Amino acid sequence: MIVDELWPNGPKFIRGGGFPLGTDAVLLAAFAGSVRAHRACDLGCGTGVIALLLAWNSPSLTVDGIEIQAGAAETARMNAEINGLSDRMNVITGDLREYRSLLPAGEYGLVAANPPYFPSGSGKQAATDELATARDERSCTLTNVCEAAAYLTKWGGRFVMVHRPERLSEAMCAMSACGLEPKRLRMVQYSASSAPNLVLIEARRGGKPGLDILPPLVMTDGSGADTEEIKRIYHREA
């Protein structure tokens, strides 16, 4: 078993099942850091990266995760254990489309999702069925994710999601249709001159219209080195 440490003396993650420790998950957890909540849920939690980082960063927070793939869910539980967070991080093996039978309605101040980015059957096929399920919408769509988030989020609570910029309009429409009003948006780009490759969105259940568009999160400077913000997120300060 190989265990990766995100930063020195920081959270550890078991490398397994073909699921890499992705930048998108780390950035979403950082983006959600400004949301105050006592209870959170990670929809399609995979090996538990977002759920674990949320719990790690907020000692008073308890997090439930839902994951359809049994192997990934078990790895998430192991990740919680090796980080001493089993008492505040619970992982349910289940299909998020069955949210009504899995978790209570309106109990979460924060719901997070790093859903499949691509419509089912589009683009390059993943190497394994496990990665394909995480990559494309064969097991859940954007609408499925937003419906589950709306059911679970308490009135005034927040839903945060990371997705691809080319599907931003679709994502925001799905949120609004489910009663989750987009309130905060931030593009992520590799350099100041490159096009965005990720988008971070925060919506509020029952929120009024009004979207705050933040400056982009730029990952590297002109020399290709990490920006100061990325250093802070990854605890790489000198």
C-alpha atoms as a PDB file:
ATOM      1  CA  MET A   1       0.000   0.000   0.000  1.00  0.00           C
ATOM      2  CA  ILE A   2       1.393   3.384  -1.056  1.00  0.00           C
ATOM      3  CA  VAL A   3       0.392   6.442   0.976  1.00  0.00           C
ATOM      4  CA  ASP A   4       0.894   9.977  -0.349  1.00  0.00           C
ATOM      5  CA  GLU A   5       1.211  12.956   1.991  1.00  0.00           C
ATOM      6  CA  LEU A   6      -0.396  16.101   0.578  1.00  0.00           C
ATOM      7  CA  TRP A   7       2.027  18.331   2.475  1.00  0.00           C
ATOM      8  CA  PRO A   8       4.506  17.708   5.337  1.00  0.00           C
ATOM      9  CA  ASN A   9       2.576  16.550   8.424  1.00  0.00           C
ATOM     10  CA  GLY A  10      -0.613  17.040   6.438  1.00  0.00           C
ATOM     11  CA  PRO A  11      -3.384  14.671   5.354  1.00  0.00           C
ATOM     12  CA  LYS A  12      -2.387  11.307   3.890  1.00  0.00           C
ATOM     13  CA  PHE A  13      -4.102   9.459   1.072  1.00  0.00           C
ATOM     14  CA  ILE A  14      -3.835   5.837   0.020  1.00  0.00           C
ATOM     15  CA  ARG A  15      -2.926   5.494  -3.622  1.00  0.00           C
ATOM     16  CA  GLY A  16      -5.182   2.822  -5.055  1.00  0.00           C
ATOM     17  CA  GLY A  17      -7.985   1.922  -7.389  1.00  0.00           C
ATOM     18  CA  GLY A  18      -6.581   4.083 -10.166  1.00  0.00           C
ATOM     19  CA  PHE A  19      -7.968   7.280  -8.619  1.00  0.00           C
ATOM     20  CA  PRO A  20      -5.298  10.021  -8.631  1.00  0.00           C
ATOM     21  CA  LEU A  21      -5.146  12.771  -6.019  1.00  0.00           C
ATOM     22  CA  GLY A  22      -6.551  15.481  -8.267  1.00  0.00           C
ATOM     23  CA  THR A  23      -5.958  19.219  -8.141  1.00  0.00           C
ATOM     24  CA  ASP A  24      -9.669  19.847  -8.706  1.00  0.00           C
ATOM     25  CA  ALA A  25     -10.598  18.149  -5.421  1.00  0.00           C
ATOM     26  CA  VAL A  26      -7.975  20.074  -3.456  1.00  0.00           C
ATOM     27  CA  LEU A  27      -9.045  23.405  -4.969  1.00  0.00           C
ATOM     28  CA  LEU A  28     -12.730  22.732  -4.296  1.00  0.00           C
ATOM     29  CA  ALA A  29     -12.012  21.970  -0.643  1.00  0.00           C
ATOM     30  CA  ALA A  30     -10.081  25.245  -0.385  1.00  0.00           C
ATOM     31  CA  PHE A  31     -12.900  27.132  -2.165  1.00  0.00           C
ATOM     32  CA  ALA A  32     -15.388  25.720   0.353  1.00  0.00           C
ATOM     33  CA  GLY A  33     -13.231  26.820   3.264  1.00  0.00           C
ATOM     34  CA  SER A  34     -15.097  30.101   3.670  1.00  0.00           C
ATOM     35  CA  VAL A  35     -18.412  28.311   4.215  1.00  0.00           C
ATOM     36  CA  ARG A  36     -19.290  27.876   7.884  1.00  0.00           C
ATOM     37  CA  ALA A  37     -21.120  24.644   8.667  1.00  0.00           C
ATOM     38  CA  HIS A  38     -21.276  21.946  11.325  1.00  0.00           C
ATOM     39  CA  ARG A  39     -22.294  19.158   8.984  1.00  0.00           C
ATOM     40  CA  ALA A  40     -21.261  18.522   5.372  1.00  0.00           C
ATOM     41  CA  CYS A  41     -21.861  15.961   2.650  1.00  0.00           C
ATOM     42  CA  ASP A  42     -19.646  14.970  -0.274  1.00  0.00           C
ATOM     43  CA  LEU A  43     -21.645  13.582  -3.201  1.00  0.00           C
ATOM     44  CA  GLY A  44     -19.724  10.926  -5.146  1.00  0.00           C
ATOM     45  CA  CYS A  45     -16.821  11.173  -2.727  1.00  0.00           C
ATOM     46  CA  GLY A  46     -14.522   8.694  -4.500  1.00  0.00           C
ATOM     47  CA  THR A  47     -11.593   7.881  -2.213  1.00  0.00           C
ATOM     48  CA  GLY A  48     -12.602  10.682   0.140  1.00  0.00           C
ATOM     49  CA  VAL A  49     -10.249  13.529  -0.776  1.00  0.00           C
ATOM     50  CA  ILE A  50     -12.758  16.392  -0.499  1.00  0.00           C
ATOM     51  CA  ALA A  51     -14.546  14.946   2.528  1.00  0.00           C
ATOM     52  CA  LEU A  52     -11.261  14.384   4.335  1.00  0.00           C
ATOM     53  CA  LEU A  53      -9.892  17.844   3.554  1.00  0.00           C
ATOM     54  CA  LEU A  54     -13.109  19.471   4.751  1.00  0.00           C
ATOM     55  CA  ALA A  55     -12.911  17.559   8.034  1.00  0.00           C
ATOM     56  CA  TRP A  56      -9.165  18.202   8.349  1.00  0.00           C
ATOM     57  CA  ASN A  57      -9.569  21.949   7.874  1.00  0.00           C
ATOM     58  CA  SER A  58     -12.580  22.327  10.221  1.00  0.00           C
ATOM     59  CA  PRO A  59     -12.245  20.458  13.554  1.00  0.00           C
ATOM     60  CA  SER A  60     -15.914  21.050  14.426  1.00  0.00           C
ATOM     61  CA  LEU A  61     -17.200  19.654  11.106  1.00  0.00           C
ATOM     62  CA  THR A  62     -18.603  16.161  10.543  1.00  0.00           C
ATOM     63  CA  VAL A  63     -18.764  14.909   6.960  1.00  0.00           C
ATOM     64  CA  ASP A  64     -20.817  12.203   5.264  1.00  0.00           C
ATOM     65  CA  GLY A  65     -19.728  10.873   1.891  1.00  0.00           C
ATOM     66  CA  ILE A  66     -21.699   8.895  -0.681  1.00  0.00           C
ATOM     67  CA  GLU A  67     -19.818   6.718  -3.183  1.00  0.00           C
ATOM     68  CA  ILE A  68     -21.303   4.219  -5.634  1.00  0.00           C
ATOM     69  CA  GLN A  69     -18.103   2.184  -6.132  1.00  0.00           C
ATOM     70  CA  ALA A  70     -17.463  -0.143  -3.222  1.00  0.00           C
ATOM     71  CA  GLY A  71     -13.689  -0.209  -3.655  1.00  0.00           C
ATOM     72  CA  ALA A  72     -13.371   3.573  -3.671  1.00  0.00           C
ATOM     73  CA  ALA A  73     -15.700   3.868  -0.673  1.00  0.00           C
ATOM     74  CA  GLU A  74     -13.578   1.403   1.295  1.00  0.00           C
ATOM     75  CA  THR A  75     -10.429   3.371   0.426  1.00  0.00           C
ATOM     76  CA  ALA A  76     -12.174   6.537   1.651  1.00  0.00           C
ATOM     77  CA  ARG A  77     -12.877   4.833   4.978  1.00  0.00           C
ATOM     78  CA  MET A  78      -9.241   3.756   5.216  1.00  0.00           C
ATOM     79  CA  ASN A  79      -8.128   7.310   4.440  1.00  0.00           C
ATOM     80  CA  ALA A  80     -10.316   8.581   7.262  1.00  0.00           C
ATOM     81  CA  GLU A  81      -8.798   5.999   9.606  1.00  0.00           C
ATOM     82  CA  ILE A  82      -5.140   6.685   8.822  1.00  0.00           C
ATOM     83  CA  ASN A  83      -5.780  10.401   9.351  1.00  0.00           C
ATOM     84  CA  GLY A  84      -7.578   9.899  12.652  1.00  0.00           C
ATOM     85  CA  LEU A  85     -10.859  11.232  11.278  1.00  0.00           C
ATOM     86  CA  SER A  86     -13.090   8.156  11.434  1.00  0.00           C
ATOM     87  CA  ASP A  87     -15.138   9.769  14.191  1.00  0.00           C
ATOM     88  CA  ARG A  88     -16.016  12.755  11.981  1.00  0.00           C
ATOM     89  CA  MET A  89     -16.059  11.223   8.481  1.00  0.00           C
ATOM     90  CA  ASN A  90     -18.639   8.607   7.514  1.00  0.00           C
ATOM     91  CA  VAL A  91     -18.698   7.004   4.067  1.00  0.00           C
ATOM     92  CA  ILE A  92     -21.828   5.355   2.670  1.00  0.00           C
ATOM     93  CA  THR A  93     -21.590   2.935  -0.234  1.00  0.00           C
ATOM     94  CA  GLY A  94     -24.573   3.859  -2.367  1.00  0.00           C
ATOM     95  CA  ASP A  95     -25.980   5.562  -5.445  1.00  0.00           C
ATOM     96  CA  LEU A  96     -26.453   9.307  -4.897  1.00  0.00           C
ATOM     97  CA  ARG A  97     -29.539   9.126  -7.117  1.00  0.00           C
ATOM     98  CA  GLU A  98     -31.139   7.256  -4.190  1.00  0.00           C
ATOM     99  CA  TYR A  99     -30.457  10.203  -1.891  1.00  0.00           C
ATOM    100  CA  ARG A 100     -33.906  10.093  -0.279  1.00  0.00           C
ATOM    101  CA  SER A 101     -33.189   6.681   1.222  1.00  0.00           C
ATOM    102  CA  LEU A 102     -29.561   7.352   2.131  1.00  0.00           C
ATOM    103  CA  LEU A 103     -29.413  10.635   4.038  1.00  0.00           C
ATOM    104  CA  PRO A 104     -31.751  13.067   5.828  1.00  0.00           C
ATOM    105  CA  ALA A 105     -33.322  16.024   4.045  1.00  0.00           C
ATOM    106  CA  GLY A 106     -32.141  19.550   4.801  1.00  0.00           C
ATOM    107  CA  GLU A 107     -29.539  18.575   7.390  1.00  0.00           C
ATOM    108  CA  TYR A 108     -26.352  19.879   5.770  1.00  0.00           C
ATOM    109  CA  GLY A 109     -24.957  23.394   5.876  1.00  0.00           C
ATOM    110  CA  LEU A 110     -22.496  22.428   3.139  1.00  0.00           C
ATOM    111  CA  VAL A 111     -22.756  19.947   0.277  1.00  0.00           C
ATOM    112  CA  ALA A 112     -19.836  19.433  -2.126  1.00  0.00           C
ATOM    113  CA  ALA A 113     -19.432  17.598  -5.419  1.00  0.00           C
ATOM    114  CA  ASN A 114     -16.681  16.875  -7.918  1.00  0.00           C
ATOM    115  CA  PRO A 115     -18.982  15.122 -10.407  1.00  0.00           C
ATOM    116  CA  PRO A 116     -18.181  13.402 -13.702  1.00  0.00           C
ATOM    117  CA  TYR A 117     -17.218  16.100 -16.195  1.00  0.00           C
ATOM    118  CA  PHE A 118     -18.321  14.548 -19.477  1.00  0.00           C
ATOM    119  CA  PRO A 119     -21.614  13.302 -20.920  1.00  0.00           C
ATOM    120  CA  SER A 120     -21.805   9.521 -21.118  1.00  0.00           C
ATOM    121  CA  GLY A 121     -20.042   8.135 -24.181  1.00  0.00           C
ATOM    122  CA  SER A 122     -18.236  11.361 -25.077  1.00  0.00           C
ATOM    123  CA  GLY A 123     -14.537  11.797 -25.671  1.00  0.00           C
ATOM    124  CA  LYS A 124     -11.686   9.405 -24.927  1.00  0.00           C
ATOM    125  CA  GLN A 125     -12.647   6.258 -23.063  1.00  0.00           C
ATOM    126  CA  ALA A 126     -11.123   5.671 -19.644  1.00  0.00           C
ATOM    127  CA  ALA A 127      -8.803   2.728 -19.063  1.00  0.00           C
ATOM    128  CA  THR A 128     -11.022   1.005 -16.471  1.00  0.00           C
ATOM    129  CA  ASP A 129     -14.714   0.872 -15.600  1.00  0.00           C
ATOM    130  CA  GLU A 130     -13.915   2.518 -12.254  1.00  0.00           C
ATOM    131  CA  LEU A 131     -12.259   5.510 -13.902  1.00  0.00           C
ATOM    132  CA  ALA A 132     -14.986   5.668 -16.560  1.00  0.00           C
ATOM    133  CA  THR A 133     -17.645   5.943 -13.850  1.00  0.00           C
ATOM    134  CA  ALA A 134     -15.726   8.828 -12.282  1.00  0.00           C
ATOM    135  CA  ARG A 135     -15.079  10.490 -15.655  1.00  0.00           C
ATOM    136  CA  ASP A 136     -18.426  10.430 -17.460  1.00  0.00           C
ATOM    137  CA  GLU A 137     -22.088  10.571 -16.532  1.00  0.00           C
ATOM    138  CA  ARG A 138     -22.960   6.900 -16.878  1.00  0.00           C
ATOM    139  CA  SER A 139     -24.021   6.706 -13.212  1.00  0.00           C
ATOM    140  CA  CYS A 140     -25.233  10.270 -12.559  1.00  0.00           C
ATOM    141  CA  THR A 141     -25.858  13.492 -14.479  1.00  0.00           C
ATOM    142  CA  LEU A 142     -25.450  17.118 -13.485  1.00  0.00           C
ATOM    143  CA  THR A 143     -29.177  17.238 -12.808  1.00  0.00           C
ATOM    144  CA  ASN A 144     -28.948  14.159 -10.561  1.00  0.00           C
ATOM    145  CA  VAL A 145     -26.173  15.796  -8.536  1.00  0.00           C
ATOM    146  CA  CYS A 146     -28.030  19.101  -8.165  1.00  0.00           C
ATOM    147  CA  GLU A 147     -31.274  17.358  -7.192  1.00  0.00           C
ATOM    148  CA  ALA A 148     -29.455  15.436  -4.455  1.00  0.00           C
ATOM    149  CA  ALA A 149     -27.671  18.582  -3.266  1.00  0.00           C
ATOM    150  CA  ALA A 150     -30.925  20.541  -3.079  1.00  0.00           C
ATOM    151  CA  TYR A 151     -32.571  17.785  -1.033  1.00  0.00           C
ATOM    152  CA  LEU A 152     -29.710  17.527   1.436  1.00  0.00           C
ATOM    153  CA  THR A 153     -28.813  21.205   1.866  1.00  0.00           C
ATOM    154  CA  LYS A 154     -30.607  23.109   4.612  1.00  0.00           C
ATOM    155  CA  TRP A 155     -32.354  26.387   3.791  1.00  0.00           C
ATOM    156  CA  GLY A 156     -29.634  28.994   3.363  1.00  0.00           C
ATOM    157  CA  GLY A 157     -26.957  26.300   3.186  1.00  0.00           C
ATOM    158  CA  ARG A 158     -24.311  26.133   0.477  1.00  0.00           C
ATOM    159  CA  PHE A 159     -23.564  23.765  -2.395  1.00  0.00           C
ATOM    160  CA  VAL A 160     -20.084  23.896  -3.925  1.00  0.00           C
ATOM    161  CA  MET A 161     -19.039  22.152  -7.117  1.00  0.00           C
ATOM    162  CA  VAL A 162     -16.053  22.000  -9.444  1.00  0.00           C
ATOM    163  CA  HIS A 163     -16.644  21.417 -13.150  1.00  0.00           C
ATOM    164  CA  ARG A 164     -15.441  22.219 -16.639  1.00  0.00           C
ATOM    165  CA  PRO A 165     -15.895  25.776 -18.011  1.00  0.00           C
ATOM    166  CA  GLU A 166     -17.520  24.517 -21.205  1.00  0.00           C
ATOM    167  CA  ARG A 167     -20.411  23.169 -19.139  1.00  0.00           C
ATOM    168  CA  LEU A 168     -20.793  26.238 -16.922  1.00  0.00           C
ATOM    169  CA  SER A 169     -24.122  27.321 -18.409  1.00  0.00           C
ATOM    170  CA  GLU A 170     -25.535  23.819 -18.020  1.00  0.00           C
ATOM    171  CA  ALA A 171     -24.291  23.585 -14.441  1.00  0.00           C
ATOM    172  CA  MET A 172     -25.767  26.914 -13.396  1.00  0.00           C
ATOM    173  CA  CYS A 173     -29.097  26.164 -15.045  1.00  0.00           C
ATOM    174  CA  ALA A 174     -29.258  22.788 -13.276  1.00  0.00           C
ATOM    175  CA  MET A 175     -28.544  24.452  -9.947  1.00  0.00           C
ATOM    176  CA  SER A 176     -31.180  27.159 -10.407  1.00  0.00           C
ATOM    177  CA  ALA A 177     -33.783  24.632 -11.558  1.00  0.00           C
ATOM    178  CA  CYS A 178     -33.297  22.766  -8.266  1.00  0.00           C
ATOM    179  CA  GLY A 179     -33.574  25.856  -6.076  1.00  0.00           C
ATOM    180  CA  LEU A 180     -29.826  26.343  -5.662  1.00  0.00           C
ATOM    181  CA  GLU A 181     -29.009  29.917  -6.629  1.00  0.00           C
ATOM    182  CA  PRO A 182     -25.419  30.451  -7.889  1.00  0.00           C
ATOM    183  CA  LYS A 183     -23.787  33.076  -5.667  1.00  0.00           C
ATOM    184  CA  ARG A 184     -20.021  32.794  -6.133  1.00  0.00           C
ATOM    185  CA  LEU A 185     -17.936  31.753  -9.134  1.00  0.00           C
ATOM    186  CA  ARG A 186     -14.210  31.444  -9.742  1.00  0.00           C
ATOM    187  CA  MET A 187     -12.357  30.271 -12.825  1.00  0.00           C
ATOM    188  CA  VAL A 188      -9.124  28.287 -12.496  1.00  0.00           C
ATOM    189  CA  GLN A 189      -6.392  28.638 -15.087  1.00  0.00           C
ATOM    190  CA  TYR A 190      -2.884  27.262 -15.398  1.00  0.00           C
ATOM    191  CA  SER A 191      -1.311  30.647 -16.163  1.00  0.00           C
ATOM    192  CA  ALA A 192      -2.450  34.235 -16.515  1.00  0.00           C
ATOM    193  CA  SER A 193      -2.447  33.915 -20.304  1.00  0.00           C
ATOM    194  CA  SER A 194      -4.174  30.516 -20.586  1.00  0.00           C
ATOM    195  CA  ALA A 195      -7.870  29.786 -20.892  1.00  0.00           C
ATOM    196  CA  PRO A 196      -9.657  28.478 -17.770  1.00  0.00           C
ATOM    197  CA  ASN A 197      -9.669  24.700 -17.372  1.00  0.00           C
ATOM    198  CA  LEU A 198     -11.837  24.445 -14.237  1.00  0.00           C
ATOM    199  CA  VAL A 199     -14.623  26.450 -12.665  1.00  0.00           C
ATOM    200  CA  LEU A 200     -15.553  26.577  -8.967  1.00  0.00           C
ATOM    201  CA  ILE A 201     -19.189  27.425  -8.179  1.00  0.00           C
ATOM    202  CA  GLU A 202     -20.983  28.063  -4.902  1.00  0.00           C
ATOM    203  CA  ALA A 203     -24.779  28.144  -4.740  1.00  0.00           C
ATOM    204  CA  ARG A 204     -27.153  28.859  -1.866  1.00  0.00           C
ATOM    205  CA  ARG A 205     -30.358  26.962  -1.283  1.00  0.00           C
ATOM    206  CA  GLY A 206     -33.180  29.484  -1.463  1.00  0.00           C
ATOM    207  CA  GLY A 207     -30.770  32.313  -2.270  1.00  0.00           C
ATOM    208  CA  LYS A 208     -31.734  35.482  -4.101  1.00  0.00           C
ATOM    209  CA  PRO A 209     -30.294  36.213  -7.565  1.00  0.00           C
ATOM    210  CA  GLY A 210     -26.896  37.873  -7.557  1.00  0.00           C
ATOM    211  CA  LEU A 211     -23.587  36.329  -8.607  1.00  0.00           C
ATOM    212  CA  ASP A 212     -20.174  37.359  -7.280  1.00  0.00           C
ATOM    213  CA  ILE A 213     -17.502  36.615  -9.894  1.00  0.00           C
ATOM    214  CA  LEU A 214     -14.114  36.377  -8.204  1.00  0.00           C
ATOM    215  CA  PRO A 215     -10.707  37.002  -9.780  1.00  0.00           C
ATOM    216  CA  PRO A 216      -9.366  33.848 -11.439  1.00  0.00           C
ATOM    217  CA  LEU A 217      -7.253  31.405  -9.494  1.00  0.00           C
ATOM    218  CA  VAL A 218      -3.993  31.318 -11.450  1.00  0.00           C
ATOM    219  CA  MET A 219      -1.883  28.264 -10.682  1.00  0.00           C
ATOM    220  CA  THR A 220       1.544  29.223 -12.067  1.00  0.00           C
ATOM    221  CA  ASP A 221       3.482  32.445 -12.605  1.00  0.00           C
ATOM    222  CA  GLY A 222       5.405  33.504 -15.691  1.00  0.00           C
ATOM    223  CA  SER A 223       8.254  31.110 -14.926  1.00  0.00           C
ATOM    224  CA  GLY A 224       5.980  28.097 -14.425  1.00  0.00           C
ATOM    225  CA  ALA A 225       6.407  28.103 -10.644  1.00  0.00           C
ATOM    226  CA  ASP A 226       3.473  27.869  -8.254  1.00  0.00           C
ATOM    227  CA  THR A 227       1.728  31.151  -7.486  1.00  0.00           C
ATOM    228  CA  GLU A 228       1.601  32.328  -3.887  1.00  0.00           C
ATOM    229  CA  GLU A 229      -2.035  31.255  -3.602  1.00  0.00           C
ATOM    230  CA  ILE A 230      -1.281  27.720  -4.745  1.00  0.00           C
ATOM    231  CA  LYS A 231       1.607  27.597  -2.273  1.00  0.00           C
ATOM    232  CA  ARG A 232      -0.784  28.551   0.497  1.00  0.00           C
ATOM    233  CA  ILE A 233      -3.367  25.969  -0.527  1.00  0.00           C
ATOM    234  CA  TYR A 234      -0.739  23.209  -0.646  1.00  0.00           C
ATOM    235  CA  HIS A 235       1.199  24.529   2.365  1.00  0.00           C
ATOM    236  CA  ARG A 236       4.333  24.987   0.273  1.00  0.00           C
ATOM    237  CA  GLU A 237       5.459  28.292   1.737  1.00  0.00           C
ATOM    238  CA  ALA A 238       9.194  28.562   2.278  1.00  0.00           C
END
